[in-house]
PDB file of N, CA and C in Angstrom:
ATOM      1  N   UNK A   1      15.158   2.734  -9.151  1.00  0.00           N
ATOM      2  CA  UNK A   1      15.142   2.076  -7.879  1.00  0.00           C
ATOM      3  C   UNK A   1      14.223   0.853  -7.959  1.00  0.00           C
ATOM      4  N   UNK A   2      14.253   0.013  -6.978  1.00  0.00           N
ATOM      5  CA  UNK A   2      13.468  -1.224  -6.947  1.00  0.00           C
ATOM      6  C   UNK A   2      12.008  -0.972  -6.607  1.00  0.00           C
ATOM      7  N   UNK A   3      11.193  -1.977  -6.928  1.00  0.00           N
ATOM      8  CA  UNK A   3       9.781  -1.962  -6.526  1.00  0.00           C
ATOM      9  C   UNK A   3       9.631  -2.898  -5.335  1.00  0.00           C
ATOM     10  N   UNK A   4       8.796  -2.486  -4.394  1.00  0.00           N
ATOM     11  CA  UNK A   4       8.567  -3.259  -3.171  1.00  0.00           C
ATOM     12  C   UNK A   4       7.074  -3.478  -2.995  1.00  0.00           C
ATOM     13  N   UNK A   5       6.691  -4.703  -2.638  1.00  0.00           N
ATOM     14  CA  UNK A   5       5.297  -5.042  -2.369  1.00  0.00           C
ATOM     15  C   UNK A   5       5.133  -5.184  -0.856  1.00  0.00           C
ATOM     16  N   UNK A   6       4.233  -4.392  -0.279  1.00  0.00           N
ATOM     17  CA  UNK A   6       4.025  -4.393   1.170  1.00  0.00           C
ATOM     18  C   UNK A   6       2.688  -5.061   1.478  1.00  0.00           C
ATOM     19  N   UNK A   7       2.754  -6.205   2.136  1.00  0.00           N
ATOM     20  CA  UNK A   7       1.538  -6.880   2.594  1.00  0.00           C
ATOM     21  C   UNK A   7       1.131  -6.214   3.912  1.00  0.00           C
ATOM     22  N   UNK A   8      -0.122  -5.810   4.000  1.00  0.00           N
ATOM     23  CA  UNK A   8      -0.577  -5.107   5.196  1.00  0.00           C
ATOM     24  C   UNK A   8      -0.166  -3.643   5.177  1.00  0.00           C
ATOM     25  N   UNK A   9      -0.203  -3.045   4.003  1.00  0.00           N
ATOM     26  CA  UNK A   9       0.264  -1.664   3.834  1.00  0.00           C
ATOM     27  C   UNK A   9      -0.540  -0.654   4.641  1.00  0.00           C
ATOM     28  N   UNK A  10      -1.753  -0.991   5.045  1.00  0.00           N
ATOM     29  CA  UNK A  10      -2.566  -0.071   5.846  1.00  0.00           C
ATOM     30  C   UNK A  10      -2.554  -0.431   7.330  1.00  0.00           C
ATOM     31  N   UNK A  11      -1.767  -1.438   7.700  1.00  0.00           N
ATOM     32  CA  UNK A  11      -1.691  -1.879   9.091  1.00  0.00           C
ATOM     33  C   UNK A  11      -0.761  -1.022   9.934  1.00  0.00           C
ATOM     34  N   UNK A  12      -0.510  -1.481  11.144  1.00  0.00           N
ATOM     35  CA  UNK A  12       0.275  -0.734  12.117  1.00  0.00           C
ATOM     36  C   UNK A  12       1.678  -0.376  11.652  1.00  0.00           C
ATOM     37  N   UNK A  13       2.378  -1.314  11.052  1.00  0.00           N
ATOM     38  CA  UNK A  13       3.729  -1.058  10.562  1.00  0.00           C
ATOM     39  C   UNK A  13       3.692  -0.508   9.148  1.00  0.00           C
ATOM     40  N   UNK A  14       2.849  -1.103   8.327  1.00  0.00           N
ATOM     41  CA  UNK A  14       2.785  -0.727   6.912  1.00  0.00           C
ATOM     42  C   UNK A  14       2.469   0.734   6.665  1.00  0.00           C
ATOM     43  N   UNK A  15       1.534   1.304   7.424  1.00  0.00           N
ATOM     44  CA  UNK A  15       1.164   2.693   7.165  1.00  0.00           C
ATOM     45  C   UNK A  15       2.281   3.668   7.541  1.00  0.00           C
ATOM     46  N   UNK A  16       3.231   3.218   8.332  1.00  0.00           N
ATOM     47  CA  UNK A  16       4.410   4.040   8.637  1.00  0.00           C
ATOM     48  C   UNK A  16       5.539   3.773   7.639  1.00  0.00           C
ATOM     49  N   UNK A  17       5.633   2.538   7.189  1.00  0.00           N
ATOM     50  CA  UNK A  17       6.707   2.119   6.296  1.00  0.00           C
ATOM     51  C   UNK A  17       6.528   2.645   4.871  1.00  0.00           C
ATOM     52  N   UNK A  18       5.304   2.606   4.353  1.00  0.00           N
ATOM     53  CA  UNK A  18       5.048   2.997   2.962  1.00  0.00           C
ATOM     54  C   UNK A  18       5.536   4.417   2.646  1.00  0.00           C
ATOM     55  N   UNK A  19       5.209   5.437   3.447  1.00  0.00           N
ATOM     56  CA  UNK A  19       5.716   6.779   3.128  1.00  0.00           C
ATOM     57  C   UNK A  19       7.247   6.870   3.166  1.00  0.00           C
ATOM     58  N   UNK A  20       7.874   6.113   4.050  1.00  0.00           N
ATOM     59  CA  UNK A  20       9.337   6.113   4.101  1.00  0.00           C
ATOM     60  C   UNK A  20       9.939   5.532   2.829  1.00  0.00           C
ATOM     61  N   UNK A  21       9.335   4.439   2.353  1.00  0.00           N
ATOM     62  CA  UNK A  21       9.832   3.800   1.135  1.00  0.00           C
ATOM     63  C   UNK A  21       9.625   4.681  -0.091  1.00  0.00           C
ATOM     64  N   UNK A  22       8.430   5.260  -0.218  1.00  0.00           N
ATOM     65  CA  UNK A  22       8.180   6.126  -1.377  1.00  0.00           C
ATOM     66  C   UNK A  22       9.050   7.374  -1.312  1.00  0.00           C
ATOM     67  N   UNK A  23       9.277   7.896  -0.114  1.00  0.00           N
ATOM     68  CA  UNK A  23      10.139   9.057   0.054  1.00  0.00           C
ATOM     69  C   UNK A  23      11.585   8.774  -0.316  1.00  0.00           C
ATOM     70  N   UNK A  24      11.996   7.521  -0.161  1.00  0.00           N
ATOM     71  CA  UNK A  24      13.355   7.115  -0.520  1.00  0.00           C
ATOM     72  C   UNK A  24      13.466   6.767  -1.998  1.00  0.00           C
ATOM     73  N   UNK A  25      12.352   6.875  -2.729  1.00  0.00           N
ATOM     74  CA  UNK A  25      12.392   6.647  -4.167  1.00  0.00           C
ATOM     75  C   UNK A  25      11.996   5.259  -4.633  1.00  0.00           C
ATOM     76  N   UNK A  26      11.580   4.398  -3.726  1.00  0.00           N
ATOM     77  CA  UNK A  26      11.143   3.057  -4.116  1.00  0.00           C
ATOM     78  C   UNK A  26       9.744   3.113  -4.708  1.00  0.00           C
ATOM     79  N   UNK A  27       9.473   2.239  -5.652  1.00  0.00           N
ATOM     80  CA  UNK A  27       8.119   2.046  -6.143  1.00  0.00           C
ATOM     81  C   UNK A  27       7.441   1.081  -5.195  1.00  0.00           C
ATOM     82  N   UNK A  28       6.276   1.436  -4.685  1.00  0.00           N
ATOM     83  CA  UNK A  28       5.618   0.612  -3.672  1.00  0.00           C
ATOM     84  C   UNK A  28       4.241   0.183  -4.152  1.00  0.00           C
ATOM     85  N   UNK A  29       3.970  -1.111  -3.998  1.00  0.00           N
ATOM     86  CA  UNK A  29       2.634  -1.653  -4.180  1.00  0.00           C
ATOM     87  C   UNK A  29       2.185  -2.142  -2.821  1.00  0.00           C
ATOM     88  N   UNK A  30       0.899  -1.928  -2.503  1.00  0.00           N
ATOM     89  CA  UNK A  30       0.420  -2.317  -1.189  1.00  0.00           C
ATOM     90  C   UNK A  30      -0.843  -3.144  -1.248  1.00  0.00           C
ATOM     91  N   UNK A  31      -0.992  -4.046  -0.308  1.00  0.00           N
ATOM     92  CA  UNK A  31      -2.155  -4.916  -0.203  1.00  0.00           C
ATOM     93  C   UNK A  31      -3.047  -4.426   0.931  1.00  0.00           C
ATOM     94  N   UNK A  32      -4.359  -4.412   0.665  1.00  0.00           N
ATOM     95  CA  UNK A  32      -5.315  -4.045   1.703  1.00  0.00           C
ATOM     96  C   UNK A  32      -6.494  -4.997   1.643  1.00  0.00           C
ATOM     97  N   UNK A  33      -7.246  -5.085   2.732  1.00  0.00           N
ATOM     98  CA  UNK A  33      -8.394  -5.995   2.799  1.00  0.00           C
ATOM     99  C   UNK A  33      -9.702  -5.329   2.430  1.00  0.00           C
ATOM    100  N   UNK A  34      -9.904  -4.123   2.899  1.00  0.00           N
ATOM    101  CA  UNK A  34     -11.192  -3.449   2.743  1.00  0.00           C
ATOM    102  C   UNK A  34     -11.095  -2.352   1.686  1.00  0.00           C
ATOM    103  N   UNK A  35     -12.148  -2.196   0.868  1.00  0.00           N
ATOM    104  CA  UNK A  35     -12.126  -1.167  -0.178  1.00  0.00           C
ATOM    105  C   UNK A  35     -11.837   0.236   0.349  1.00  0.00           C
ATOM    106  N   UNK A  36     -12.346   0.550   1.541  1.00  0.00           N
ATOM    107  CA  UNK A  36     -12.124   1.899   2.073  1.00  0.00           C
ATOM    108  C   UNK A  36     -10.659   2.149   2.438  1.00  0.00           C
ATOM    109  N   UNK A  37      -9.863   1.116   2.572  1.00  0.00           N
ATOM    110  CA  UNK A  37      -8.446   1.291   2.874  1.00  0.00           C
ATOM    111  C   UNK A  37      -7.648   1.764   1.657  1.00  0.00           C
ATOM    112  N   UNK A  38      -8.240   1.678   0.490  1.00  0.00           N
ATOM    113  CA  UNK A  38      -7.555   2.136  -0.728  1.00  0.00           C
ATOM    114  C   UNK A  38      -7.231   3.622  -0.636  1.00  0.00           C
ATOM    115  N   UNK A  39      -8.118   4.401  -0.052  1.00  0.00           N
ATOM    116  CA  UNK A  39      -7.871   5.840   0.084  1.00  0.00           C
ATOM    117  C   UNK A  39      -6.642   6.113   0.951  1.00  0.00           C
ATOM    118  N   UNK A  40      -6.443   5.314   1.978  1.00  0.00           N
ATOM    119  CA  UNK A  40      -5.270   5.489   2.836  1.00  0.00           C
ATOM    120  C   UNK A  40      -3.986   5.211   2.065  1.00  0.00           C
ATOM    121  N   UNK A  41      -4.027   4.225   1.179  1.00  0.00           N
ATOM    122  CA  UNK A  41      -2.843   3.929   0.368  1.00  0.00           C
ATOM    123  C   UNK A  41      -2.566   5.041  -0.633  1.00  0.00           C
ATOM    124  N   UNK A  42      -3.615   5.547  -1.248  1.00  0.00           N
ATOM    125  CA  UNK A  42      -3.426   6.648  -2.204  1.00  0.00           C
ATOM    126  C   UNK A  42      -2.828   7.865  -1.505  1.00  0.00           C
ATOM    127  N   UNK A  43      -3.279   8.138  -0.291  1.00  0.00           N
ATOM    128  CA  UNK A  43      -2.805   9.300   0.456  1.00  0.00           C
ATOM    129  C   UNK A  43      -1.339   9.153   0.861  1.00  0.00           C
ATOM    130  N   UNK A  44      -0.849   7.925   0.916  1.00  0.00           N
ATOM    131  CA  UNK A  44       0.527   7.677   1.344  1.00  0.00           C
ATOM    132  C   UNK A  44       1.540   7.953   0.241  1.00  0.00           C
ATOM    133  N   UNK A  45       1.101   8.466  -0.883  1.00  0.00           N
ATOM    134  CA  UNK A  45       1.941   8.790  -2.042  1.00  0.00           C
ATOM    135  C   UNK A  45       1.858   7.679  -3.065  1.00  0.00           C
ATOM    136  N   UNK A  46       2.059   7.979  -4.244  1.00  0.00           N
ATOM    137  CA  UNK A  46       2.095   7.114  -5.425  1.00  0.00           C
ATOM    138  C   UNK A  46       2.246   5.626  -5.134  1.00  0.00           C
ATOM    139  N   UNK A  47       1.260   5.011  -4.560  1.00  0.00           N
ATOM    140  CA  UNK A  47       1.305   3.586  -4.234  1.00  0.00           C
ATOM    141  C   UNK A  47       0.318   2.845  -5.108  1.00  0.00           C
ATOM    142  N   UNK A  48       0.771   1.763  -5.731  1.00  0.00           N
ATOM    143  CA  UNK A  48      -0.143   0.884  -6.439  1.00  0.00           C
ATOM    144  C   UNK A  48      -0.852   0.046  -5.386  1.00  0.00           C
ATOM    145  N   UNK A  49      -2.160  -0.081  -5.508  1.00  0.00           N
ATOM    146  CA  UNK A  49      -2.890  -0.795  -4.467  1.00  0.00           C
ATOM    147  C   UNK A  49      -3.448  -2.100  -4.991  1.00  0.00           C
ATOM    148  N   UNK A  50      -3.578  -3.069  -4.111  1.00  0.00           N
ATOM    149  CA  UNK A  50      -4.135  -4.376  -4.426  1.00  0.00           C
ATOM    150  C   UNK A  50      -5.061  -4.774  -3.287  1.00  0.00           C
ATOM    151  N   UNK A  51      -6.222  -5.278  -3.640  1.00  0.00           N
ATOM    152  CA  UNK A  51      -7.198  -5.673  -2.634  1.00  0.00           C
ATOM    153  C   UNK A  51      -7.279  -7.180  -2.512  1.00  0.00           C
ATOM    154  N   UNK A  52      -7.287  -7.679  -1.285  1.00  0.00           N
ATOM    155  CA  UNK A  52      -7.465  -9.117  -1.064  1.00  0.00           C
ATOM    156  C   UNK A  52      -8.877  -9.524  -1.447  1.00  0.00           C
ATOM    157  N   UNK A  53      -9.831  -8.609  -1.354  1.00  0.00           N
ATOM    158  CA  UNK A  53     -11.218  -8.934  -1.617  1.00  0.00           C
ATOM    159  C   UNK A  53     -11.615  -8.803  -3.087  1.00  0.00           C
ATOM    160  N   UNK A  54     -10.722  -8.414  -3.942  1.00  0.00           N
ATOM    161  CA  UNK A  54     -11.067  -8.221  -5.347  1.00  0.00           C
ATOM    162  C   UNK A  54     -11.557  -9.519  -5.961  1.00  0.00           C
ATOM    163  N   UNK A  55     -12.684  -9.455  -6.571  1.00  0.00           N
ATOM    164  CA  UNK A  55     -13.237 -10.634  -7.226  1.00  0.00           C
ATOM    165  C   UNK A  55     -14.004 -11.576  -6.306  1.00  0.00           C
ATOM    166  N   UNK A  56     -14.016 -11.316  -5.025  1.00  0.00           N
ATOM    167  CA  UNK A  56     -14.752 -12.183  -4.083  1.00  0.00           C
ATOM    168  C   UNK A  56     -16.198 -11.746  -4.005  1.00  0.00           C
ATOM    169  N   UNK A  57     -17.068 -12.678  -3.684  1.00  0.00           N
ATOM    170  CA  UNK A  57     -18.495 -12.385  -3.507  1.00  0.00           C
ATOM    171  C   UNK A  57     -18.983 -12.969  -2.221  1.00  0.00           C
TER     172      UNK A  57
END
């Protein structure tokens, strides 16, 4: 199946959409702003996570 990148994966729509996509067999990568949001992405099932803040100081 295809891979999908979800911008705002921990937001209002994204946190509902990600489990639906992974449940349908899609590979999902998600973007989040805050490090603590990574746990929410992991909990949503096999999601690759990406942080907007990575590398920033």
